Amino acid sequence: ASNPNQSERQVSDPMLSANIKEADTVEDLMLIFDKYVLSTEFALGLQKMCQLASMENSNATQ
């Protein structure tokens, strides 16, 4: 049996794409992810990843 979520994921939502392109901040993206596509835990994980990446970038520039 295939996962029903996988077939849904392959359908591209033009509204979703537009919202992602218009997002100005990580918070905007998190709200979009949470609303449309991802579980809260995965969205939180992505947010943490962004925070860690920006910390690493600022460490590298100092």
C-alpha atoms as a PDB file:
ATOM      1  CA  ALA A   1       0.000   0.000   0.000  1.00  0.00           C
ATOM      2  CA  SER A   2       1.380   3.390  -0.958  1.00  0.00           C
ATOM      3  CA  ASN A   3       1.338   6.390   1.312  1.00  0.00           C
ATOM      4  CA  PRO A   4      -1.669   8.592   0.417  1.00  0.00           C
ATOM      5  CA  ASN A   5       0.309  11.713   1.367  1.00  0.00           C
ATOM      6  CA  GLN A   6       2.874  11.120  -1.360  1.00  0.00           C
ATOM      7  CA  SER A   7       0.401  11.515  -4.205  1.00  0.00           C
ATOM      8  CA  GLU A   8      -0.878  14.750  -2.638  1.00  0.00           C
ATOM      9  CA  ARG A   9       2.636  16.136  -2.281  1.00  0.00           C
ATOM     10  CA  GLN A  10       3.315  15.796  -6.008  1.00  0.00           C
ATOM     11  CA  VAL A  11       0.438  18.128  -6.859  1.00  0.00           C
ATOM     12  CA  SER A  12       1.948  21.588  -7.052  1.00  0.00           C
ATOM     13  CA  ASP A  13      -0.123  24.363  -5.534  1.00  0.00           C
ATOM     14  CA  PRO A  14       0.484  27.650  -7.396  1.00  0.00           C
ATOM     15  CA  MET A  15      -0.807  29.607  -4.395  1.00  0.00           C
ATOM     16  CA  LEU A  16       1.719  27.853  -2.161  1.00  0.00           C
ATOM     17  CA  SER A  17       4.555  28.623  -4.582  1.00  0.00           C
ATOM     18  CA  ALA A  18       3.523  32.282  -4.692  1.00  0.00           C
ATOM     19  CA  ASN A  19       3.364  32.486  -0.910  1.00  0.00           C
ATOM     20  CA  ILE A  20       6.843  30.974  -0.576  1.00  0.00           C
ATOM     21  CA  LYS A  21       8.280  33.430  -3.098  1.00  0.00           C
ATOM     22  CA  GLU A  22       6.693  36.356  -1.246  1.00  0.00           C
ATOM     23  CA  ALA A  23       7.858  35.283   2.215  1.00  0.00           C
ATOM     24  CA  ASP A  24      10.326  37.772   3.669  1.00  0.00           C
ATOM     25  CA  THR A  25      11.343  36.008   6.867  1.00  0.00           C
ATOM     26  CA  VAL A  26      11.901  32.546   8.262  1.00  0.00           C
ATOM     27  CA  GLU A  27       8.769  33.116  10.365  1.00  0.00           C
ATOM     28  CA  ASP A  28       6.733  33.698   7.204  1.00  0.00           C
ATOM     29  CA  LEU A  29       8.027  30.449   5.751  1.00  0.00           C
ATOM     30  CA  MET A  30       7.330  28.546   8.956  1.00  0.00           C
ATOM     31  CA  LEU A  31       3.719  29.712   8.913  1.00  0.00           C
ATOM     32  CA  ILE A  32       3.369  28.643   5.288  1.00  0.00           C
ATOM     33  CA  PHE A  33       4.963  25.249   5.947  1.00  0.00           C
ATOM     34  CA  ASP A  34       2.810  24.708   9.012  1.00  0.00           C
ATOM     35  CA  LYS A  35      -0.369  25.687   7.183  1.00  0.00           C
ATOM     36  CA  TYR A  36       0.164  23.809   3.941  1.00  0.00           C
ATOM     37  CA  VAL A  37       2.651  21.019   3.956  1.00  0.00           C
ATOM     38  CA  LEU A  38       4.524  19.996   7.044  1.00  0.00           C
ATOM     39  CA  SER A  39       3.967  18.694  10.491  1.00  0.00           C
ATOM     40  CA  THR A  40       4.696  21.193  13.253  1.00  0.00           C
ATOM     41  CA  GLU A  41       7.694  19.149  14.391  1.00  0.00           C
ATOM     42  CA  PHE A  42       9.284  19.257  10.959  1.00  0.00           C
ATOM     43  CA  ALA A  43       8.647  22.990  10.693  1.00  0.00           C
ATOM     44  CA  LEU A  44      10.283  23.483  14.091  1.00  0.00           C
ATOM     45  CA  GLY A  45      13.228  21.393  12.938  1.00  0.00           C
ATOM     46  CA  LEU A  46      13.643  23.561   9.846  1.00  0.00           C
ATOM     47  CA  GLN A  47      13.454  26.692  11.961  1.00  0.00           C
ATOM     48  CA  LYS A  48      16.159  25.324  14.272  1.00  0.00           C
ATOM     49  CA  MET A  49      18.284  24.425  11.253  1.00  0.00           C
ATOM     50  CA  CYS A  50      17.985  28.006   9.971  1.00  0.00           C
ATOM     51  CA  GLN A  51      18.976  29.382  13.376  1.00  0.00           C
ATOM     52  CA  LEU A  52      22.006  27.092  13.568  1.00  0.00           C
ATOM     53  CA  ALA A  53      23.029  27.946  10.026  1.00  0.00           C
ATOM     54  CA  SER A  54      22.874  31.685  10.700  1.00  0.00           C
ATOM     55  CA  MET A  55      24.870  31.220  13.917  1.00  0.00           C
ATOM     56  CA  GLU A  56      27.517  29.273  12.015  1.00  0.00           C
ATOM     57  CA  ASN A  57      27.621  31.970   9.337  1.00  0.00           C
ATOM     58  CA  SER A  58      28.092  34.741  11.889  1.00  0.00           C
ATOM     59  CA  ASN A  59      30.812  32.711  13.632  1.00  0.00           C
ATOM     60  CA  ALA A  60      32.622  32.242  10.335  1.00  0.00           C
ATOM     61  CA  THR A  61      32.626  35.960   9.555  1.00  0.00           C
ATOM     62  CA  GLN A  62      34.058  37.042  12.906  1.00  0.00           C
END
